[in-house]
Amino acid sequence: MLRLSFAAPLLALSLAACTPPPQDVPPAEDLEACGAVESQALLGATKAEAEAALAARVADGTARILEPDAIITEEFMAGRLNVLLDEAGVVTRVSCG
């Protein structure tokens, strides 16, 4: 019985070491934090139209226009506008991050 009393805590400790660390989950998206509500008007626009409308924000880093295979950083920035394009170069989504 003495062996079993030592085995249970060791087993629990070893299983706890195998659990992955919690992931950093960004807060629920606030579409007003980055201007996504106002930018809904860009849906259906071409890449050139989106670039013209957001030139100043792209230049200062508060907006980015993302093509389908774009390599992007994954840090969440609530005040940054993401404009997602499809393969044809048309805006299909705007979001914060």
PDB file of N, CA and C in Angstrom:
ATOM      1  N   MET A   1       0.811  -1.187   0.000  1.00  0.00           N
ATOM      2  CA  MET A   1       0.000   0.000   0.000  1.00  0.00           C
ATOM      3  C   MET A   1       0.862   1.262   0.000  1.00  0.00           C
ATOM      4  N   LEU A   2       1.999   1.170   0.667  1.00  0.00           N
ATOM      5  CA  LEU A   2       2.894   2.305   0.736  1.00  0.00           C
ATOM      6  C   LEU A   2       3.407   2.678  -0.655  1.00  0.00           C
ATOM      7  N   ARG A   3       3.704   1.686  -1.483  1.00  0.00           N
ATOM      8  CA  ARG A   3       4.157   1.952  -2.847  1.00  0.00           C
ATOM      9  C   ARG A   3       3.115   2.698  -3.654  1.00  0.00           C
ATOM     10  N   LEU A   4       1.865   2.326  -3.505  1.00  0.00           N
ATOM     11  CA  LEU A   4       0.777   2.964  -4.247  1.00  0.00           C
ATOM     12  C   LEU A   4       0.625   4.427  -3.844  1.00  0.00           C
ATOM     13  N   SER A   5       0.838   4.755  -2.587  1.00  0.00           N
ATOM     14  CA  SER A   5       0.697   6.135  -2.147  1.00  0.00           C
ATOM     15  C   SER A   5       1.782   7.026  -2.749  1.00  0.00           C
ATOM     16  N   PHE A   6       2.936   6.464  -3.075  1.00  0.00           N
ATOM     17  CA  PHE A   6       3.979   7.240  -3.748  1.00  0.00           C
ATOM     18  C   PHE A   6       3.747   7.297  -5.252  1.00  0.00           C
ATOM     19  N   ALA A   7       3.176   6.258  -5.818  1.00  0.00           N
ATOM     20  CA  ALA A   7       2.983   6.180  -7.254  1.00  0.00           C
ATOM     21  C   ALA A   7       1.936   7.175  -7.751  1.00  0.00           C
ATOM     22  N   ALA A   8       0.865   7.365  -7.023  1.00  0.00           N
ATOM     23  CA  ALA A   8      -0.212   8.247  -7.473  1.00  0.00           C
ATOM     24  C   ALA A   8       0.260   9.688  -7.647  1.00  0.00           C
ATOM     25  N   PRO A   9       0.931  10.280  -6.656  1.00  0.00           N
ATOM     26  CA  PRO A   9       1.404  11.664  -6.868  1.00  0.00           C
ATOM     27  C   PRO A   9       2.438  11.772  -7.983  1.00  0.00           C
ATOM     28  N   LEU A  10       3.301  10.775  -8.123  1.00  0.00           N
ATOM     29  CA  LEU A  10       4.294  10.808  -9.202  1.00  0.00           C
ATOM     30  C   LEU A  10       3.615  10.726 -10.561  1.00  0.00           C
ATOM     31  N   LEU A  11       2.604   9.898 -10.663  1.00  0.00           N
ATOM     32  CA  LEU A  11       1.869   9.784 -11.913  1.00  0.00           C
ATOM     33  C   LEU A  11       1.178  11.109 -12.237  1.00  0.00           C
ATOM     34  N   ALA A  12       0.529  11.700 -11.251  1.00  0.00           N
ATOM     35  CA  ALA A  12      -0.152  12.980 -11.469  1.00  0.00           C
ATOM     36  C   ALA A  12       0.842  14.064 -11.877  1.00  0.00           C
ATOM     37  N   LEU A  13       1.984  14.102 -11.239  1.00  0.00           N
ATOM     38  CA  LEU A  13       3.006  15.097 -11.560  1.00  0.00           C
ATOM     39  C   LEU A  13       3.540  14.898 -12.974  1.00  0.00           C
ATOM     40  N   SER A  14       3.775  13.670 -13.361  1.00  0.00           N
ATOM     41  CA  SER A  14       4.305  13.415 -14.701  1.00  0.00           C
ATOM     42  C   SER A  14       3.269  13.742 -15.770  1.00  0.00           C
ATOM     43  N   LEU A  15       1.993  13.494 -15.505  1.00  0.00           N
ATOM     44  CA  LEU A  15       0.963  13.850 -16.484  1.00  0.00           C
ATOM     45  C   LEU A  15       0.795  15.362 -16.589  1.00  0.00           C
ATOM     46  N   ALA A  16       0.932  16.050 -15.492  1.00  0.00           N
ATOM     47  CA  ALA A  16       0.816  17.515 -15.518  1.00  0.00           C
ATOM     48  C   ALA A  16       1.931  18.135 -16.356  1.00  0.00           C
ATOM     49  N   ALA A  17       3.076  17.521 -16.364  1.00  0.00           N
ATOM     50  CA  ALA A  17       4.204  18.039 -17.140  1.00  0.00           C
ATOM     51  C   ALA A  17       3.979  17.876 -18.635  1.00  0.00           C
ATOM     52  N   CYS A  18       3.075  17.000 -19.024  1.00  0.00           N
ATOM     53  CA  CYS A  18       2.821  16.738 -20.444  1.00  0.00           C
ATOM     54  C   CYS A  18       1.749  17.634 -21.039  1.00  0.00           C
ATOM     55  N   THR A  19       1.053  18.400 -20.239  1.00  0.00           N
ATOM     56  CA  THR A  19      -0.001  19.254 -20.784  1.00  0.00           C
ATOM     57  C   THR A  19       0.634  20.478 -21.436  1.00  0.00           C
ATOM     58  N   PRO A  20       0.110  20.895 -22.592  1.00  0.00           N
ATOM     59  CA  PRO A  20       0.681  22.060 -23.271  1.00  0.00           C
ATOM     60  C   PRO A  20       0.381  23.333 -22.488  1.00  0.00           C
ATOM     61  N   PRO A  21       1.232  24.338 -22.625  1.00  0.00           N
ATOM     62  CA  PRO A  21       0.976  25.610 -21.936  1.00  0.00           C
ATOM     63  C   PRO A  21      -0.245  26.285 -22.558  1.00  0.00           C
ATOM     64  N   PRO A  22      -0.945  27.121 -21.808  1.00  0.00           N
ATOM     65  CA  PRO A  22      -2.103  27.817 -22.379  1.00  0.00           C
ATOM     66  C   PRO A  22      -1.663  28.753 -23.493  1.00  0.00           C
ATOM     67  N   GLN A  23      -2.479  28.837 -24.528  1.00  0.00           N
ATOM     68  CA  GLN A  23      -2.182  29.706 -25.667  1.00  0.00           C
ATOM     69  C   GLN A  23      -2.684  31.109 -25.380  1.00  0.00           C
ATOM     70  N   ASP A  24      -1.961  32.108 -25.872  1.00  0.00           N
ATOM     71  CA  ASP A  24      -2.427  33.484 -25.750  1.00  0.00           C
ATOM     72  C   ASP A  24      -3.546  33.685 -26.757  1.00  0.00           C
ATOM     73  N   VAL A  25      -4.719  33.940 -26.274  1.00  0.00           N
ATOM     74  CA  VAL A  25      -5.882  34.125 -27.133  1.00  0.00           C
ATOM     75  C   VAL A  25      -6.224  35.605 -27.148  1.00  0.00           C
ATOM     76  N   PRO A  26      -6.293  36.197 -28.348  1.00  0.00           N
ATOM     77  CA  PRO A  26      -6.632  37.613 -28.393  1.00  0.00           C
ATOM     78  C   PRO A  26      -8.052  37.829 -27.897  1.00  0.00           C
ATOM     79  N   PRO A  27      -8.343  39.008 -27.390  1.00  0.00           N
ATOM     80  CA  PRO A  27      -9.691  39.284 -26.915  1.00  0.00           C
ATOM     81  C   PRO A  27     -10.695  39.234 -28.063  1.00  0.00           C
ATOM     82  N   ALA A  28     -11.963  39.140 -27.724  1.00  0.00           N
ATOM     83  CA  ALA A  28     -13.004  39.153 -28.751  1.00  0.00           C
ATOM     84  C   ALA A  28     -12.828  40.407 -29.610  1.00  0.00           C
ATOM     85  N   GLU A  29     -13.021  40.232 -30.883  1.00  0.00           N
ATOM     86  CA  GLU A  29     -12.738  41.311 -31.821  1.00  0.00           C
ATOM     87  C   GLU A  29     -13.693  42.488 -31.640  1.00  0.00           C
ATOM     88  N   ASP A  30     -13.134  43.653 -31.435  1.00  0.00           N
ATOM     89  CA  ASP A  30     -13.887  44.901 -31.340  1.00  0.00           C
ATOM     90  C   ASP A  30     -13.679  45.624 -32.664  1.00  0.00           C
ATOM     91  N   LEU A  31     -14.674  45.569 -33.527  1.00  0.00           N
ATOM     92  CA  LEU A  31     -14.528  46.114 -34.872  1.00  0.00           C
ATOM     93  C   LEU A  31     -14.384  47.628 -34.910  1.00  0.00           C
ATOM     94  N   GLU A  32     -14.705  48.290 -33.822  1.00  0.00           N
ATOM     95  CA  GLU A  32     -14.558  49.745 -33.795  1.00  0.00           C
ATOM     96  C   GLU A  32     -13.156  50.168 -33.380  1.00  0.00           C
ATOM     97  N   ALA A  33     -12.401  49.280 -32.755  1.00  0.00           N
ATOM     98  CA  ALA A  33     -11.065  49.627 -32.273  1.00  0.00           C
ATOM     99  C   ALA A  33     -10.118  49.981 -33.415  1.00  0.00           C
ATOM    100  N   CYS A  34     -10.329  49.387 -34.578  1.00  0.00           N
ATOM    101  CA  CYS A  34      -9.413  49.618 -35.699  1.00  0.00           C
ATOM    102  C   CYS A  34     -10.082  50.317 -36.880  1.00  0.00           C
ATOM    103  N   GLY A  35     -11.355  50.628 -36.752  1.00  0.00           N
ATOM    104  CA  GLY A  35     -12.054  51.279 -37.856  1.00  0.00           C
ATOM    105  C   GLY A  35     -12.651  50.301 -38.848  1.00  0.00           C
ATOM    106  N   ALA A  36     -12.796  49.038 -38.461  1.00  0.00           N
ATOM    107  CA  ALA A  36     -13.339  48.039 -39.385  1.00  0.00           C
ATOM    108  C   ALA A  36     -14.802  48.294 -39.717  1.00  0.00           C
ATOM    109  N   VAL A  37     -15.543  48.899 -38.800  1.00  0.00           N
ATOM    110  CA  VAL A  37     -16.951  49.185 -39.071  1.00  0.00           C
ATOM    111  C   VAL A  37     -17.050  50.155 -40.255  1.00  0.00           C
ATOM    112  N   GLU A  38     -16.284  51.237 -40.203  1.00  0.00           N
ATOM    113  CA  GLU A  38     -16.302  52.213 -41.291  1.00  0.00           C
ATOM    114  C   GLU A  38     -15.720  51.623 -42.575  1.00  0.00           C
ATOM    115  N   SER A  39     -14.797  50.691 -42.438  1.00  0.00           N
ATOM    116  CA  SER A  39     -14.109  50.124 -43.596  1.00  0.00           C
ATOM    117  C   SER A  39     -14.903  49.011 -44.280  1.00  0.00           C
ATOM    118  N   GLN A  40     -16.064  48.679 -43.762  1.00  0.00           N
ATOM    119  CA  GLN A  40     -16.910  47.678 -44.422  1.00  0.00           C
ATOM    120  C   GLN A  40     -17.258  48.123 -45.842  1.00  0.00           C
ATOM    121  N   ALA A  41     -17.212  49.423 -46.090  1.00  0.00           N
ATOM    122  CA  ALA A  41     -17.491  49.956 -47.425  1.00  0.00           C
ATOM    123  C   ALA A  41     -16.476  49.454 -48.453  1.00  0.00           C
ATOM    124  N   LEU A  42     -15.321  48.974 -47.982  1.00  0.00           N
ATOM    125  CA  LEU A  42     -14.292  48.469 -48.911  1.00  0.00           C
ATOM    126  C   LEU A  42     -14.626  47.072 -49.447  1.00  0.00           C
ATOM    127  N   LEU A  43     -15.568  46.377 -48.840  1.00  0.00           N
ATOM    128  CA  LEU A  43     -15.919  45.037 -49.318  1.00  0.00           C
ATOM    129  C   LEU A  43     -16.327  45.104 -50.784  1.00  0.00           C
ATOM    130  N   GLY A  44     -15.703  44.274 -51.604  1.00  0.00           N
ATOM    131  CA  GLY A  44     -15.961  44.264 -53.036  1.00  0.00           C
ATOM    132  C   GLY A  44     -15.062  45.196 -53.827  1.00  0.00           C
ATOM    133  N   ALA A  45     -14.276  46.019 -53.147  1.00  0.00           N
ATOM    134  CA  ALA A  45     -13.361  46.939 -53.828  1.00  0.00           C
ATOM    135  C   ALA A  45     -12.149  46.172 -54.359  1.00  0.00           C
ATOM    136  N   THR A  46     -11.477  46.752 -55.329  1.00  0.00           N
ATOM    137  CA  THR A  46     -10.253  46.146 -55.854  1.00  0.00           C
ATOM    138  C   THR A  46      -9.089  46.484 -54.929  1.00  0.00           C
ATOM    139  N   LYS A  47      -7.986  45.793 -55.133  1.00  0.00           N
ATOM    140  CA  LYS A  47      -6.780  46.062 -54.353  1.00  0.00           C
ATOM    141  C   LYS A  47      -6.343  47.514 -54.531  1.00  0.00           C
ATOM    142  N   ALA A  48      -6.371  48.006 -55.769  1.00  0.00           N
ATOM    143  CA  ALA A  48      -5.956  49.386 -56.042  1.00  0.00           C
ATOM    144  C   ALA A  48      -6.849  50.386 -55.317  1.00  0.00           C
ATOM    145  N   GLU A  49      -8.146  50.116 -55.277  1.00  0.00           N
ATOM    146  CA  GLU A  49      -9.073  51.013 -54.575  1.00  0.00           C
ATOM    147  C   GLU A  49      -8.809  50.997 -53.069  1.00  0.00           C
ATOM    148  N   ALA A  50      -8.557  49.812 -52.524  1.00  0.00           N
ATOM    149  CA  ALA A  50      -8.260  49.699 -51.093  1.00  0.00           C
ATOM    150  C   ALA A  50      -6.947  50.402 -50.760  1.00  0.00           C
ATOM    151  N   GLU A  51      -5.943  50.229 -51.617  1.00  0.00           N
ATOM    152  CA  GLU A  51      -4.652  50.900 -51.382  1.00  0.00           C
ATOM    153  C   GLU A  51      -4.812  52.408 -51.408  1.00  0.00           C
ATOM    154  N   ALA A  52      -5.607  52.911 -52.324  1.00  0.00           N
ATOM    155  CA  ALA A  52      -5.813  54.356 -52.410  1.00  0.00           C
ATOM    156  C   ALA A  52      -6.561  54.870 -51.180  1.00  0.00           C
ATOM    157  N   ALA A  53      -7.561  54.133 -50.736  1.00  0.00           N
ATOM    158  CA  ALA A  53      -8.364  54.563 -49.592  1.00  0.00           C
ATOM    159  C   ALA A  53      -7.589  54.496 -48.279  1.00  0.00           C
ATOM    160  N   LEU A  54      -6.634  53.583 -48.194  1.00  0.00           N
ATOM    161  CA  LEU A  54      -5.926  53.341 -46.930  1.00  0.00           C
ATOM    162  C   LEU A  54      -4.449  53.710 -46.973  1.00  0.00           C
ATOM    163  N   ALA A  55      -4.027  54.477 -47.954  1.00  0.00           N
ATOM    164  CA  ALA A  55      -2.602  54.768 -48.145  1.00  0.00           C
ATOM    165  C   ALA A  55      -1.937  55.303 -46.884  1.00  0.00           C
ATOM    166  N   ALA A  56      -2.558  56.255 -46.219  1.00  0.00           N
ATOM    167  CA  ALA A  56      -1.947  56.849 -45.024  1.00  0.00           C
ATOM    168  C   ALA A  56      -1.876  55.831 -43.886  1.00  0.00           C
ATOM    169  N   ARG A  57      -2.914  55.031 -43.718  1.00  0.00           N
ATOM    170  CA  ARG A  57      -2.926  54.039 -42.641  1.00  0.00           C
ATOM    171  C   ARG A  57      -1.929  52.915 -42.913  1.00  0.00           C
ATOM    172  N   VAL A  58      -1.785  52.503 -44.164  1.00  0.00           N
ATOM    173  CA  VAL A  58      -0.787  51.478 -44.504  1.00  0.00           C
ATOM    174  C   VAL A  58       0.607  52.024 -44.233  1.00  0.00           C
ATOM    175  N   ALA A  59       0.832  53.287 -44.589  1.00  0.00           N
ATOM    176  CA  ALA A  59       2.143  53.906 -44.400  1.00  0.00           C
ATOM    177  C   ALA A  59       2.526  53.999 -42.925  1.00  0.00           C
ATOM    178  N   ASP A  60       1.552  54.262 -42.044  1.00  0.00           N
ATOM    179  CA  ASP A  60       1.898  54.380 -40.625  1.00  0.00           C
ATOM    180  C   ASP A  60       1.724  53.072 -39.845  1.00  0.00           C
ATOM    181  N   GLY A  61       1.382  51.988 -40.538  1.00  0.00           N
ATOM    182  CA  GLY A  61       1.312  50.674 -39.901  1.00  0.00           C
ATOM    183  C   GLY A  61       0.018  50.363 -39.179  1.00  0.00           C
ATOM    184  N   THR A  62      -1.005  51.207 -39.328  1.00  0.00           N
ATOM    185  CA  THR A  62      -2.273  50.930 -38.661  1.00  0.00           C
ATOM    186  C   THR A  62      -3.257  50.187 -39.562  1.00  0.00           C
ATOM    187  N   ALA A  63      -2.807  49.820 -40.754  1.00  0.00           N
ATOM    188  CA  ALA A  63      -3.618  48.994 -41.661  1.00  0.00           C
ATOM    189  C   ALA A  63      -2.673  48.171 -42.517  1.00  0.00           C
ATOM    190  N   ARG A  64      -3.157  47.023 -42.936  1.00  0.00           N
ATOM    191  CA  ARG A  64      -2.390  46.210 -43.885  1.00  0.00           C
ATOM    192  C   ARG A  64      -3.356  45.513 -44.823  1.00  0.00           C
ATOM    193  N   ILE A  65      -2.950  45.403 -46.069  1.00  0.00           N
ATOM    194  CA  ILE A  65      -3.752  44.758 -47.106  1.00  0.00           C
ATOM    195  C   ILE A  65      -3.086  43.417 -47.387  1.00  0.00           C
ATOM    196  N   LEU A  66      -3.853  42.350 -47.186  1.00  0.00           N
ATOM    197  CA  LEU A  66      -3.290  40.998 -47.212  1.00  0.00           C
ATOM    198  C   LEU A  66      -3.821  40.180 -48.377  1.00  0.00           C
ATOM    199  N   GLU A  67      -2.895  39.742 -49.212  1.00  0.00           N
ATOM    200  CA  GLU A  67      -3.252  38.853 -50.309  1.00  0.00           C
ATOM    201  C   GLU A  67      -3.368  37.430 -49.764  1.00  0.00           C
ATOM    202  N   PRO A  68      -4.015  36.515 -50.516  1.00  0.00           N
ATOM    203  CA  PRO A  68      -4.282  35.174 -49.991  1.00  0.00           C
ATOM    204  C   PRO A  68      -3.061  34.422 -49.464  1.00  0.00           C
ATOM    205  N   ASP A  69      -1.925  34.518 -50.103  1.00  0.00           N
ATOM    206  CA  ASP A  69      -0.744  33.770 -49.669  1.00  0.00           C
ATOM    207  C   ASP A  69       0.275  34.644 -48.951  1.00  0.00           C
ATOM    208  N   ALA A  70      -0.178  35.760 -48.414  1.00  0.00           N
ATOM    209  CA  ALA A  70       0.737  36.690 -47.748  1.00  0.00           C
ATOM    210  C   ALA A  70       1.325  36.057 -46.486  1.00  0.00           C
ATOM    211  N   ILE A  71       2.593  36.315 -46.261  1.00  0.00           N
ATOM    212  CA  ILE A  71       3.244  35.895 -45.022  1.00  0.00           C
ATOM    213  C   ILE A  71       3.068  37.054 -44.047  1.00  0.00           C
ATOM    214  N   ILE A  72       2.420  36.767 -42.931  1.00  0.00           N
ATOM    215  CA  ILE A  72       2.105  37.842 -41.983  1.00  0.00           C
ATOM    216  C   ILE A  72       2.595  37.492 -40.589  1.00  0.00           C
ATOM    217  N   THR A  73       2.777  38.526 -39.790  1.00  0.00           N
ATOM    218  CA  THR A  73       3.092  38.316 -38.373  1.00  0.00           C
ATOM    219  C   THR A  73       1.793  37.984 -37.661  1.00  0.00           C
ATOM    220  N   GLU A  74       1.885  37.266 -36.561  1.00  0.00           N
ATOM    221  CA  GLU A  74       0.681  36.812 -35.878  1.00  0.00           C
ATOM    222  C   GLU A  74       0.375  37.564 -34.600  1.00  0.00           C
ATOM    223  N   GLU A  75       1.107  38.627 -34.311  1.00  0.00           N
ATOM    224  CA  GLU A  75       0.784  39.361 -33.092  1.00  0.00           C
ATOM    225  C   GLU A  75      -0.539  40.095 -33.290  1.00  0.00           C
ATOM    226  N   PHE A  76      -1.327  40.148 -32.235  1.00  0.00           N
ATOM    227  CA  PHE A  76      -2.628  40.805 -32.303  1.00  0.00           C
ATOM    228  C   PHE A  76      -2.469  42.258 -31.908  1.00  0.00           C
ATOM    229  N   MET A  77      -2.904  43.152 -32.789  1.00  0.00           N
ATOM    230  CA  MET A  77      -2.881  44.588 -32.513  1.00  0.00           C
ATOM    231  C   MET A  77      -4.303  45.110 -32.731  1.00  0.00           C
ATOM    232  N   ALA A  78      -5.004  45.393 -31.646  1.00  0.00           N
ATOM    233  CA  ALA A  78      -6.421  45.758 -31.718  1.00  0.00           C
ATOM    234  C   ALA A  78      -6.672  46.966 -32.607  1.00  0.00           C
ATOM    235  N   GLY A  79      -5.735  47.883 -32.703  1.00  0.00           N
ATOM    236  CA  GLY A  79      -5.922  49.095 -33.487  1.00  0.00           C
ATOM    237  C   GLY A  79      -5.524  48.979 -34.946  1.00  0.00           C
ATOM    238  N   ARG A  80      -5.073  47.794 -35.378  1.00  0.00           N
ATOM    239  CA  ARG A  80      -4.636  47.626 -36.773  1.00  0.00           C
ATOM    240  C   ARG A  80      -5.757  47.008 -37.609  1.00  0.00           C
ATOM    241  N   LEU A  81      -6.000  47.589 -38.766  1.00  0.00           N
ATOM    242  CA  LEU A  81      -7.011  47.109 -39.699  1.00  0.00           C
ATOM    243  C   LEU A  81      -6.384  46.111 -40.667  1.00  0.00           C
ATOM    244  N   ASN A  82      -6.998  44.943 -40.797  1.00  0.00           N
ATOM    245  CA  ASN A  82      -6.583  43.944 -41.783  1.00  0.00           C
ATOM    246  C   ASN A  82      -7.613  43.930 -42.898  1.00  0.00           C
ATOM    247  N   VAL A  83      -7.150  44.074 -44.125  1.00  0.00           N
ATOM    248  CA  VAL A  83      -8.020  44.022 -45.297  1.00  0.00           C
ATOM    249  C   VAL A  83      -7.595  42.796 -46.089  1.00  0.00           C
ATOM    250  N   LEU A  84      -8.467  41.810 -46.181  1.00  0.00           N
ATOM    251  CA  LEU A  84      -8.134  40.548 -46.837  1.00  0.00           C
ATOM    252  C   LEU A  84      -8.672  40.516 -48.256  1.00  0.00           C
ATOM    253  N   LEU A  85      -7.808  40.096 -49.176  1.00  0.00           N
ATOM    254  CA  LEU A  85      -8.161  40.007 -50.588  1.00  0.00           C
ATOM    255  C   LEU A  85      -8.332  38.550 -50.999  1.00  0.00           C
ATOM    256  N   ASP A  86      -9.111  38.322 -52.049  1.00  0.00           N
ATOM    257  CA  ASP A  86      -9.190  36.981 -52.615  1.00  0.00           C
ATOM    258  C   ASP A  86      -8.186  36.864 -53.761  1.00  0.00           C
ATOM    259  N   GLU A  87      -8.198  35.736 -54.454  1.00  0.00           N
ATOM    260  CA  GLU A  87      -7.237  35.506 -55.547  1.00  0.00           C
ATOM    261  C   GLU A  87      -7.385  36.507 -56.685  1.00  0.00           C
ATOM    262  N   ALA A  88      -8.581  37.069 -56.847  1.00  0.00           N
ATOM    263  CA  ALA A  88      -8.824  38.048 -57.910  1.00  0.00           C
ATOM    264  C   ALA A  88      -8.436  39.464 -57.490  1.00  0.00           C
ATOM    265  N   GLY A  89      -7.978  39.644 -56.244  1.00  0.00           N
ATOM    266  CA  GLY A  89      -7.589  40.965 -55.774  1.00  0.00           C
ATOM    267  C   GLY A  89      -8.753  41.819 -55.314  1.00  0.00           C
ATOM    268  N   VAL A  90      -9.828  41.166 -54.881  1.00  0.00           N
ATOM    269  CA  VAL A  90     -11.019  41.862 -54.410  1.00  0.00           C
ATOM    270  C   VAL A  90     -11.097  41.734 -52.891  1.00  0.00           C
ATOM    271  N   VAL A  91     -11.468  42.818 -52.210  1.00  0.00           N
ATOM    272  CA  VAL A  91     -11.590  42.807 -50.748  1.00  0.00           C
ATOM    273  C   VAL A  91     -12.766  41.915 -50.349  1.00  0.00           C
ATOM    274  N   THR A  92     -12.469  40.907 -49.510  1.00  0.00           N
ATOM    275  CA  THR A  92     -13.516  39.994 -49.072  1.00  0.00           C
ATOM    276  C   THR A  92     -13.804  40.090 -47.574  1.00  0.00           C
ATOM    277  N   ARG A  93     -12.887  40.724 -46.814  1.00  0.00           N
ATOM    278  CA  ARG A  93     -13.082  40.803 -45.367  1.00  0.00           C
ATOM    279  C   ARG A  93     -12.239  41.939 -44.811  1.00  0.00           C
ATOM    280  N   VAL A  94     -12.760  42.599 -43.810  1.00  0.00           N
ATOM    281  CA  VAL A  94     -11.982  43.561 -43.029  1.00  0.00           C
ATOM    282  C   VAL A  94     -12.139  43.180 -41.563  1.00  0.00           C
ATOM    283  N   SER A  95     -11.037  43.249 -40.835  1.00  0.00           N
ATOM    284  CA  SER A  95     -11.067  42.865 -39.433  1.00  0.00           C
ATOM    285  C   SER A  95      -9.964  43.597 -38.690  1.00  0.00           C
ATOM    286  N   CYS A  96     -10.020  43.512 -37.376  1.00  0.00           N
ATOM    287  CA  CYS A  96      -8.970  44.108 -36.549  1.00  0.00           C
ATOM    288  C   CYS A  96      -7.923  43.066 -36.226  1.00  0.00           C
ATOM    289  N   GLY A  97      -6.731  43.496 -35.980  1.00  0.00           N
ATOM    290  CA  GLY A  97      -5.696  42.572 -35.564  1.00  0.00           C
ATOM    291  C   GLY A  97      -4.373  42.953 -36.080  1.00  0.00           C
TER     292      GLY A  97
END
